[in-house]
N, C-alpha and C. Protein backbone atom coordinates (compact mmCIF):
# COMPACT_ATOMS: atom_id res chain seq x y z
N MET A 1 -52.21 -107.68 32.16
CA MET A 1 -53.16 -106.88 33.13
C MET A 1 -54.09 -107.89 33.74
N PHE A 2 -55.43 -108.15 33.79
CA PHE A 2 -56.33 -108.96 34.36
C PHE A 2 -56.63 -110.14 33.34
N ARG A 3 -56.29 -111.37 33.91
CA ARG A 3 -56.50 -112.66 32.93
C ARG A 3 -57.83 -113.22 33.39
N HIS A 4 -58.44 -113.34 34.71
CA HIS A 4 -59.79 -113.83 34.88
C HIS A 4 -60.46 -112.80 35.88
N ILE A 5 -61.58 -112.64 35.29
CA ILE A 5 -62.50 -111.72 36.12
C ILE A 5 -63.76 -112.43 36.55
N LEU A 6 -64.10 -112.11 37.50
CA LEU A 6 -65.24 -112.70 38.46
C LEU A 6 -66.24 -111.51 38.77
N THR A 7 -67.58 -111.75 38.09
CA THR A 7 -68.60 -110.97 38.08
C THR A 7 -69.81 -111.72 38.98
N ALA A 8 -70.66 -111.15 39.42
CA ALA A 8 -71.93 -111.58 40.14
C ALA A 8 -73.14 -110.97 39.69
N THR A 9 -74.17 -111.70 39.67
CA THR A 9 -75.67 -111.43 39.53
C THR A 9 -76.52 -111.73 40.26
N ASP A 10 -77.55 -111.15 40.49
CA ASP A 10 -78.62 -111.52 41.18
C ASP A 10 -80.05 -111.47 40.31
N GLY A 11 -79.69 -110.89 39.04
CA GLY A 11 -80.63 -110.66 37.96
C GLY A 11 -81.22 -109.10 37.98
N SER A 12 -80.99 -108.43 38.74
CA SER A 12 -81.35 -107.07 39.03
C SER A 12 -80.62 -106.26 38.07
N ASP A 13 -81.21 -105.03 37.68
CA ASP A 13 -80.65 -104.08 36.64
C ASP A 13 -79.06 -103.61 37.40
N TRP A 14 -79.20 -103.32 38.61
CA TRP A 14 -77.95 -102.81 39.29
C TRP A 14 -76.79 -103.87 38.90
N ALA A 15 -77.17 -105.23 39.15
CA ALA A 15 -76.01 -106.30 39.15
C ALA A 15 -75.75 -106.28 37.56
N GLY A 16 -76.77 -106.15 36.67
CA GLY A 16 -76.44 -106.25 35.20
C GLY A 16 -75.74 -105.31 34.57
N LYS A 17 -75.59 -104.25 35.23
CA LYS A 17 -74.53 -103.12 35.00
C LYS A 17 -73.11 -103.60 35.40
N GLY A 18 -72.77 -104.23 36.10
CA GLY A 18 -71.74 -104.70 36.62
C GLY A 18 -71.06 -106.04 35.67
N VAL A 19 -72.32 -106.78 35.42
CA VAL A 19 -72.26 -107.87 34.45
C VAL A 19 -71.73 -107.27 33.18
N THR A 20 -72.53 -106.53 32.76
CA THR A 20 -72.19 -105.89 31.22
C THR A 20 -70.60 -105.29 31.14
N LYS A 21 -70.31 -104.56 32.37
CA LYS A 21 -68.81 -104.19 32.40
C LYS A 21 -67.85 -105.05 32.30
N ALA A 22 -68.11 -106.39 33.23
CA ALA A 22 -67.04 -107.36 33.06
C ALA A 22 -67.13 -108.12 32.03
N ILE A 23 -68.18 -108.32 31.26
CA ILE A 23 -68.08 -108.92 29.85
C ILE A 23 -67.51 -108.04 28.90
N GLY A 24 -67.47 -106.89 28.94
CA GLY A 24 -66.86 -105.86 27.77
C GLY A 24 -65.52 -105.97 28.21
N LEU A 25 -65.04 -105.73 29.47
CA LEU A 25 -63.52 -105.91 29.83
C LEU A 25 -62.89 -107.37 29.65
N ALA A 26 -63.73 -108.34 29.87
CA ALA A 26 -63.10 -109.72 29.53
C ALA A 26 -62.99 -109.61 28.01
N ALA A 27 -63.92 -109.19 27.39
CA ALA A 27 -63.74 -109.43 25.78
C ALA A 27 -62.45 -108.53 25.34
N ALA A 28 -62.29 -107.36 25.86
CA ALA A 28 -61.27 -106.46 25.51
C ALA A 28 -59.82 -107.04 25.86
N LEU A 29 -59.87 -107.67 26.97
CA LEU A 29 -58.61 -108.24 27.59
C LEU A 29 -58.43 -109.55 27.27
N LYS A 30 -59.46 -110.29 26.56
CA LYS A 30 -59.33 -111.51 26.32
C LYS A 30 -59.13 -112.52 27.55
N ALA A 31 -59.93 -111.97 28.36
CA ALA A 31 -59.80 -112.79 29.85
C ALA A 31 -60.76 -113.71 29.98
N LYS A 32 -60.69 -114.40 30.91
CA LYS A 32 -61.72 -115.60 31.24
C LYS A 32 -62.60 -114.90 32.17
N LEU A 33 -63.82 -115.26 32.04
CA LEU A 33 -64.85 -114.53 32.93
C LEU A 33 -65.67 -115.91 33.57
N THR A 34 -65.76 -115.46 34.97
CA THR A 34 -66.66 -116.40 35.70
C THR A 34 -67.75 -115.58 36.29
N VAL A 35 -68.92 -116.18 36.21
CA VAL A 35 -70.28 -115.27 36.67
C VAL A 35 -70.93 -116.08 37.79
N VAL A 36 -71.15 -115.49 38.75
CA VAL A 36 -71.63 -116.22 40.13
C VAL A 36 -72.77 -115.69 40.46
N MET A 37 -73.78 -116.42 40.77
CA MET A 37 -75.16 -115.92 41.32
C MET A 37 -75.35 -116.93 42.46
N ALA A 38 -75.66 -116.03 43.39
CA ALA A 38 -75.94 -116.91 45.02
C ALA A 38 -77.29 -116.65 45.46
N SER A 39 -77.88 -117.66 46.25
CA SER A 39 -79.08 -117.37 46.87
C SER A 39 -78.92 -117.83 48.39
N GLU A 40 -79.50 -116.95 49.17
CA GLU A 40 -79.34 -117.45 50.75
C GLU A 40 -80.60 -118.36 50.86
N SER A 41 -80.50 -119.25 51.72
CA SER A 41 -81.61 -120.43 52.05
C SER A 41 -82.71 -119.36 52.46
N TYR A 42 -83.87 -119.84 52.05
CA TYR A 42 -85.10 -119.20 52.09
C TYR A 42 -85.40 -118.68 53.81
N PRO A 43 -85.34 -119.76 54.60
CA PRO A 43 -85.40 -119.35 56.18
C PRO A 43 -84.62 -118.08 56.50
N ASP A 44 -83.30 -118.21 56.12
CA ASP A 44 -82.29 -117.33 56.58
C ASP A 44 -82.76 -115.71 56.26
N TYR A 45 -83.21 -115.59 55.22
CA TYR A 45 -83.58 -114.14 54.84
C TYR A 45 -85.18 -114.05 55.09
N LEU A 46 -85.64 -114.90 55.07
CA LEU A 46 -87.15 -114.72 55.68
C LEU A 46 -87.27 -114.19 57.05
N TYR A 47 -86.38 -114.83 58.00
CA TYR A 47 -86.52 -114.55 59.36
C TYR A 47 -85.53 -113.48 59.78
N ALA A 48 -84.71 -112.82 58.76
CA ALA A 48 -83.77 -111.97 59.39
C ALA A 48 -84.23 -110.66 59.98
N ALA A 49 -83.91 -110.31 61.25
CA ALA A 49 -84.37 -109.30 62.00
C ALA A 49 -85.92 -109.03 61.93
N ASP A 50 -86.60 -110.28 61.65
CA ASP A 50 -88.18 -109.86 61.82
C ASP A 50 -88.47 -108.89 60.88
N LEU A 51 -87.97 -108.59 59.60
CA LEU A 51 -88.48 -107.58 58.97
C LEU A 51 -89.38 -107.91 57.70
N SER A 52 -89.36 -109.41 58.14
CA SER A 52 -90.46 -110.12 56.74
C SER A 52 -91.80 -109.97 57.58
N PRO A 53 -93.05 -109.77 56.74
CA PRO A 53 -94.19 -110.26 57.41
C PRO A 53 -94.59 -111.41 58.04
N TYR A 54 -93.70 -112.50 57.08
CA TYR A 54 -93.78 -113.93 57.57
C TYR A 54 -93.06 -114.46 58.41
N ALA A 55 -92.17 -113.68 59.15
CA ALA A 55 -91.29 -113.90 60.07
C ALA A 55 -91.64 -115.15 61.19
N GLY A 56 -91.28 -116.00 61.30
CA GLY A 56 -91.68 -117.18 62.21
C GLY A 56 -92.70 -118.14 61.70
N THR A 57 -92.97 -117.77 60.17
CA THR A 57 -93.47 -119.01 59.62
C THR A 57 -92.86 -120.41 59.32
N VAL A 58 -93.62 -121.25 59.51
CA VAL A 58 -92.81 -122.73 59.48
C VAL A 58 -93.46 -123.40 58.07
N PHE A 59 -92.62 -123.86 57.36
CA PHE A 59 -92.63 -124.18 56.11
C PHE A 59 -92.72 -125.79 56.23
N THR A 60 -93.54 -126.33 55.08
CA THR A 60 -93.57 -127.83 54.95
C THR A 60 -92.37 -128.06 54.04
N PRO A 61 -91.92 -129.36 54.08
CA PRO A 61 -90.89 -129.53 53.14
C PRO A 61 -91.21 -129.72 51.76
N GLU A 62 -92.29 -129.53 51.58
CA GLU A 62 -92.90 -129.59 49.97
C GLU A 62 -92.53 -127.99 49.60
N GLN A 63 -93.22 -127.08 50.72
CA GLN A 63 -93.04 -125.85 50.08
C GLN A 63 -91.51 -125.56 50.25
N MET A 64 -90.48 -125.86 50.92
CA MET A 64 -89.30 -125.55 51.01
C MET A 64 -88.57 -126.04 49.42
N GLU A 65 -88.99 -127.26 49.09
CA GLU A 65 -88.53 -127.74 47.78
C GLU A 65 -89.10 -126.90 46.76
N THR A 66 -90.43 -126.34 46.52
CA THR A 66 -90.93 -125.58 45.63
C THR A 66 -89.93 -124.28 45.51
N ASN A 67 -89.56 -123.99 46.61
CA ASN A 67 -88.75 -122.75 46.73
C ASN A 67 -87.29 -122.90 46.11
N ARG A 68 -87.00 -124.01 46.48
CA ARG A 68 -85.40 -124.37 46.12
C ARG A 68 -85.54 -124.47 44.47
N SER A 69 -86.65 -125.22 44.11
CA SER A 69 -86.76 -125.40 42.65
C SER A 69 -86.86 -123.88 41.98
N ALA A 70 -87.85 -123.17 42.56
CA ALA A 70 -87.84 -121.96 42.16
C ALA A 70 -86.54 -120.93 41.91
N MET A 71 -85.95 -121.19 42.95
CA MET A 71 -84.69 -120.15 43.02
C MET A 71 -83.73 -120.86 41.98
N GLN A 72 -83.64 -122.20 41.75
CA GLN A 72 -82.68 -122.70 40.78
C GLN A 72 -83.14 -122.47 39.21
N THR A 73 -84.65 -122.40 39.06
CA THR A 73 -85.00 -122.01 37.88
C THR A 73 -84.79 -120.60 37.50
N HIS A 74 -84.80 -119.50 38.47
CA HIS A 74 -84.36 -118.16 38.31
C HIS A 74 -83.19 -118.17 38.13
N ALA A 75 -82.27 -118.82 38.84
CA ALA A 75 -80.78 -118.74 38.38
C ALA A 75 -80.20 -119.23 37.20
N ASP A 76 -81.07 -120.49 36.74
CA ASP A 76 -80.88 -120.79 35.37
C ASP A 76 -81.14 -119.72 34.30
N GLU A 77 -82.20 -119.32 34.58
CA GLU A 77 -82.66 -118.29 33.56
C GLU A 77 -81.79 -117.11 33.38
N VAL A 78 -81.41 -116.40 34.51
CA VAL A 78 -80.76 -115.36 34.73
C VAL A 78 -79.18 -115.69 34.10
N LEU A 79 -78.71 -116.83 34.39
CA LEU A 79 -77.31 -117.11 33.82
C LEU A 79 -77.27 -117.21 32.43
N ALA A 80 -78.45 -117.88 31.92
CA ALA A 80 -78.53 -118.03 30.61
C ALA A 80 -78.45 -116.76 29.79
N LEU A 81 -79.16 -115.80 30.41
CA LEU A 81 -79.10 -114.49 29.71
C LEU A 81 -77.57 -113.75 29.75
N VAL A 82 -77.05 -113.90 30.86
CA VAL A 82 -75.55 -113.44 30.84
C VAL A 82 -74.72 -114.09 29.86
N SER A 83 -75.14 -115.47 29.71
CA SER A 83 -74.29 -116.38 28.69
C SER A 83 -74.34 -115.86 27.29
N GLU A 84 -75.67 -115.54 27.08
CA GLU A 84 -75.99 -114.93 25.62
C GLU A 84 -75.36 -113.60 25.58
N GLU A 85 -75.49 -112.67 26.46
CA GLU A 85 -74.75 -111.37 26.24
C GLU A 85 -73.39 -111.58 26.12
N ALA A 86 -72.49 -112.52 27.02
CA ALA A 86 -71.09 -112.64 26.63
C ALA A 86 -70.77 -113.22 25.42
N ARG A 87 -71.73 -114.34 24.94
CA ARG A 87 -71.12 -114.98 23.74
C ARG A 87 -71.18 -114.29 22.71
N ALA A 88 -72.09 -113.03 22.61
CA ALA A 88 -72.35 -112.02 21.57
C ALA A 88 -71.13 -111.46 21.37
N LEU A 89 -70.33 -111.34 22.52
CA LEU A 89 -68.85 -110.66 22.24
C LEU A 89 -67.90 -111.65 22.29
N GLY A 90 -68.11 -112.90 22.24
CA GLY A 90 -66.97 -113.62 21.99
C GLY A 90 -66.33 -114.07 23.17
N VAL A 91 -67.08 -113.80 24.42
CA VAL A 91 -66.58 -114.39 25.76
C VAL A 91 -67.29 -115.54 26.12
N HIS A 92 -66.87 -116.77 26.51
CA HIS A 92 -67.46 -117.86 26.96
C HIS A 92 -67.57 -118.16 28.41
N PRO A 93 -68.21 -117.51 29.18
CA PRO A 93 -68.09 -117.48 30.77
C PRO A 93 -68.28 -118.85 31.55
N ARG A 94 -67.54 -118.85 32.45
CA ARG A 94 -68.05 -120.16 33.36
C ARG A 94 -69.25 -119.66 34.44
N LEU A 95 -70.26 -120.42 34.24
CA LEU A 95 -71.56 -119.94 35.10
C LEU A 95 -71.50 -120.89 36.41
N LEU A 96 -71.59 -120.11 37.39
CA LEU A 96 -71.77 -120.73 38.50
C LEU A 96 -72.97 -120.26 39.50
N TYR A 97 -73.87 -121.21 39.95
CA TYR A 97 -75.03 -120.98 40.92
C TYR A 97 -74.57 -121.49 42.09
N VAL A 98 -74.44 -120.67 43.05
CA VAL A 98 -74.20 -121.09 44.59
C VAL A 98 -75.47 -120.85 45.47
N PRO A 99 -76.21 -121.95 45.55
CA PRO A 99 -77.25 -121.81 46.62
C PRO A 99 -76.94 -121.81 48.26
N ASN A 100 -77.94 -121.36 49.02
CA ASN A 100 -77.64 -121.33 50.38
C ASN A 100 -76.48 -120.72 50.91
N THR A 101 -76.03 -119.77 50.19
CA THR A 101 -74.73 -118.91 50.59
C THR A 101 -75.08 -117.57 50.64
N HIS A 102 -74.69 -116.77 51.42
CA HIS A 102 -74.73 -115.37 51.49
C HIS A 102 -73.93 -114.64 50.31
N PRO A 103 -74.34 -113.91 49.37
CA PRO A 103 -74.05 -113.64 48.19
C PRO A 103 -72.40 -113.11 48.42
N ALA A 104 -72.04 -112.37 49.35
CA ALA A 104 -70.94 -111.61 49.32
C ALA A 104 -69.74 -112.71 49.84
N VAL A 105 -70.28 -113.58 50.69
CA VAL A 105 -69.52 -114.71 50.86
C VAL A 105 -69.14 -115.82 49.64
N ALA A 106 -70.25 -116.03 48.91
CA ALA A 106 -70.15 -116.87 47.55
C ALA A 106 -69.20 -116.04 46.42
N ILE A 107 -69.21 -114.76 46.33
CA ILE A 107 -68.47 -114.14 45.67
C ILE A 107 -66.85 -113.85 45.91
N THR A 108 -66.60 -113.79 47.17
CA THR A 108 -65.14 -113.82 47.59
C THR A 108 -64.75 -115.18 47.60
N GLU A 109 -65.55 -115.84 48.28
CA GLU A 109 -64.93 -117.77 47.95
C GLU A 109 -64.63 -118.09 46.80
N LYS A 110 -65.70 -117.91 45.81
CA LYS A 110 -65.45 -118.43 44.13
C LYS A 110 -64.27 -117.57 43.58
N ALA A 111 -64.10 -116.34 43.91
CA ALA A 111 -63.19 -115.57 43.38
C ALA A 111 -61.81 -116.30 43.76
N ALA A 112 -61.55 -116.57 44.94
CA ALA A 112 -60.36 -117.08 45.45
C ALA A 112 -60.33 -118.66 44.83
N GLU A 113 -61.21 -119.40 44.73
CA GLU A 113 -61.27 -120.89 44.53
C GLU A 113 -61.10 -120.83 42.98
N GLU A 114 -61.54 -119.67 42.20
CA GLU A 114 -61.39 -119.85 40.63
C GLU A 114 -60.13 -119.02 40.18
N ASN A 115 -59.48 -118.59 41.16
CA ASN A 115 -58.11 -117.78 40.87
C ASN A 115 -58.40 -116.54 39.91
N ALA A 116 -59.51 -115.86 40.43
CA ALA A 116 -59.68 -114.50 39.56
C ALA A 116 -58.60 -113.79 40.21
N ASP A 117 -58.47 -112.76 39.21
CA ASP A 117 -57.57 -111.64 39.53
C ASP A 117 -58.24 -110.15 39.72
N LEU A 118 -59.61 -110.10 39.50
CA LEU A 118 -60.14 -108.91 39.56
C LEU A 118 -61.91 -109.53 39.58
N ILE A 119 -62.54 -108.69 40.62
CA ILE A 119 -64.07 -108.79 40.98
C ILE A 119 -64.61 -107.68 40.46
N ILE A 120 -65.78 -107.65 39.69
CA ILE A 120 -66.44 -106.61 39.19
C ILE A 120 -67.97 -106.84 39.72
N ILE A 121 -68.57 -105.78 40.50
CA ILE A 121 -69.68 -105.91 40.71
C ILE A 121 -70.57 -104.69 40.57
N GLY A 122 -72.00 -104.93 40.43
CA GLY A 122 -72.80 -103.76 40.38
C GLY A 122 -73.16 -103.50 41.79
N SER A 123 -73.65 -102.21 42.07
CA SER A 123 -73.86 -101.48 43.37
C SER A 123 -75.06 -100.53 43.28
N ARG A 124 -76.10 -100.80 44.06
CA ARG A 124 -77.25 -99.72 44.16
C ARG A 124 -76.89 -98.45 44.66
N GLY A 125 -75.83 -98.40 45.64
CA GLY A 125 -75.35 -97.22 46.21
C GLY A 125 -76.26 -96.93 47.21
N ARG A 126 -76.80 -97.79 47.96
CA ARG A 126 -77.89 -97.54 49.20
C ARG A 126 -76.75 -96.51 50.00
N ARG A 127 -77.83 -95.49 50.79
CA ARG A 127 -77.27 -94.62 51.68
C ARG A 127 -78.11 -94.61 52.97
N GLY A 128 -77.85 -94.06 53.97
CA GLY A 128 -78.46 -93.74 55.12
C GLY A 128 -79.01 -95.01 55.82
N ILE A 129 -80.14 -94.68 56.30
CA ILE A 129 -80.95 -95.94 57.08
C ILE A 129 -81.03 -97.43 56.41
N THR A 130 -81.50 -96.99 54.99
CA THR A 130 -81.55 -98.03 54.16
C THR A 130 -80.16 -99.06 53.88
N LYS A 131 -79.22 -98.43 53.83
CA LYS A 131 -77.70 -99.15 53.83
C LYS A 131 -77.71 -99.71 55.26
N LEU A 132 -78.10 -99.28 56.37
CA LEU A 132 -77.63 -99.56 57.71
C LEU A 132 -78.71 -100.87 58.06
N VAL A 133 -79.81 -100.97 57.48
CA VAL A 133 -80.82 -101.65 57.58
C VAL A 133 -80.66 -103.06 56.59
N LEU A 134 -80.33 -102.87 55.29
CA LEU A 134 -80.20 -103.70 54.47
C LEU A 134 -78.70 -104.14 54.20
N GLY A 135 -77.90 -103.23 54.46
CA GLY A 135 -76.26 -103.66 54.28
C GLY A 135 -76.00 -103.38 52.91
N SER A 136 -74.88 -103.91 52.68
CA SER A 136 -74.11 -103.42 51.21
C SER A 136 -73.31 -104.57 50.78
N GLN A 137 -73.71 -105.57 49.82
CA GLN A 137 -73.02 -106.79 49.35
C GLN A 137 -71.70 -106.21 48.82
N ALA A 138 -71.64 -104.90 48.19
CA ALA A 138 -70.31 -104.42 47.78
C ALA A 138 -69.27 -104.22 48.78
N ALA A 139 -69.89 -103.52 49.95
CA ALA A 139 -68.90 -103.31 51.12
C ALA A 139 -68.55 -104.71 51.62
N GLU A 140 -69.38 -105.62 51.64
CA GLU A 140 -68.72 -106.97 52.32
C GLU A 140 -67.88 -107.60 51.39
N VAL A 141 -68.10 -107.31 50.24
CA VAL A 141 -67.05 -108.09 48.96
C VAL A 141 -65.70 -107.18 49.39
N LEU A 142 -65.72 -105.98 49.51
CA LEU A 142 -64.56 -105.20 49.37
C LEU A 142 -63.69 -105.93 50.87
N ALA A 143 -64.43 -105.78 51.90
CA ALA A 143 -63.92 -106.27 53.15
C ALA A 143 -63.38 -107.69 53.28
N GLY A 144 -63.98 -108.53 52.23
CA GLY A 144 -63.74 -109.87 52.49
C GLY A 144 -62.83 -110.47 51.42
N THR A 145 -62.09 -109.86 50.67
CA THR A 145 -61.05 -110.13 49.92
C THR A 145 -59.73 -109.16 49.55
N GLN A 146 -58.89 -109.85 49.44
CA GLN A 146 -57.49 -109.01 48.80
C GLN A 146 -57.61 -108.40 47.52
N LEU A 147 -58.24 -108.91 46.77
CA LEU A 147 -58.36 -108.85 45.22
C LEU A 147 -59.03 -107.38 44.81
N PRO A 148 -58.51 -107.00 43.77
CA PRO A 148 -58.99 -105.73 43.20
C PRO A 148 -60.33 -105.61 42.91
N VAL A 149 -61.39 -104.94 43.37
CA VAL A 149 -62.66 -104.73 43.29
C VAL A 149 -62.99 -103.79 42.44
N MET A 150 -63.90 -103.61 41.24
CA MET A 150 -64.37 -102.88 40.73
C MET A 150 -66.08 -102.77 40.92
N ILE A 151 -66.35 -101.51 41.20
CA ILE A 151 -67.94 -101.25 41.63
C ILE A 151 -68.41 -100.45 40.82
N ILE A 152 -69.49 -100.73 40.12
CA ILE A 152 -70.25 -100.11 39.02
C ILE A 152 -71.57 -99.72 39.35
N LYS A 153 -71.87 -98.50 39.38
CA LYS A 153 -73.06 -97.78 39.93
C LYS A 153 -73.96 -97.53 38.70
C-alpha cells in the first residue's frame, strides 16, 4: 500500500491531529515517515494584504535575525515533540524544517523530493469569509500535487 508518508505540522492542535494519524498509519504499515515544518519569511506574512497592524514596518537586521532564530527554535521544539511521539510507536521520522517557504509549497515540493506516496495533513476546516481571507493550506496542497492526500479534521 503506502511505503512513504509525508505529514506536516505548524505546531497547532489541528496539524497535530494529522501528524498523529500519519504516525499511526506509518507504524501500522511499517512505512517511512517524513515530517515537514515550514515557515514563511517574516515580512511576507507581515505585509500580506495589510492585514497586520504592523504592515509597512521596517525591521533592522538584528530584529530579522532574532525572528529567524525564534522560528528555528520553535521548529526544533515542535519537531522534537513529533519525533518523540513517533519513536514511542517505533517510527523513526525524517524531520525537515523549511524556512522562508509557503507551507503548501514546502509540503508538495518535499513530498516530490522525498518520493512520498501519501500526504497526510490536518485542517482547521475554515469556512466562509475566514477561508476567503486566510485561505486553506489543505486546498493548496490538494491543488499542488498528484499524490493522494488525506486531510484530517
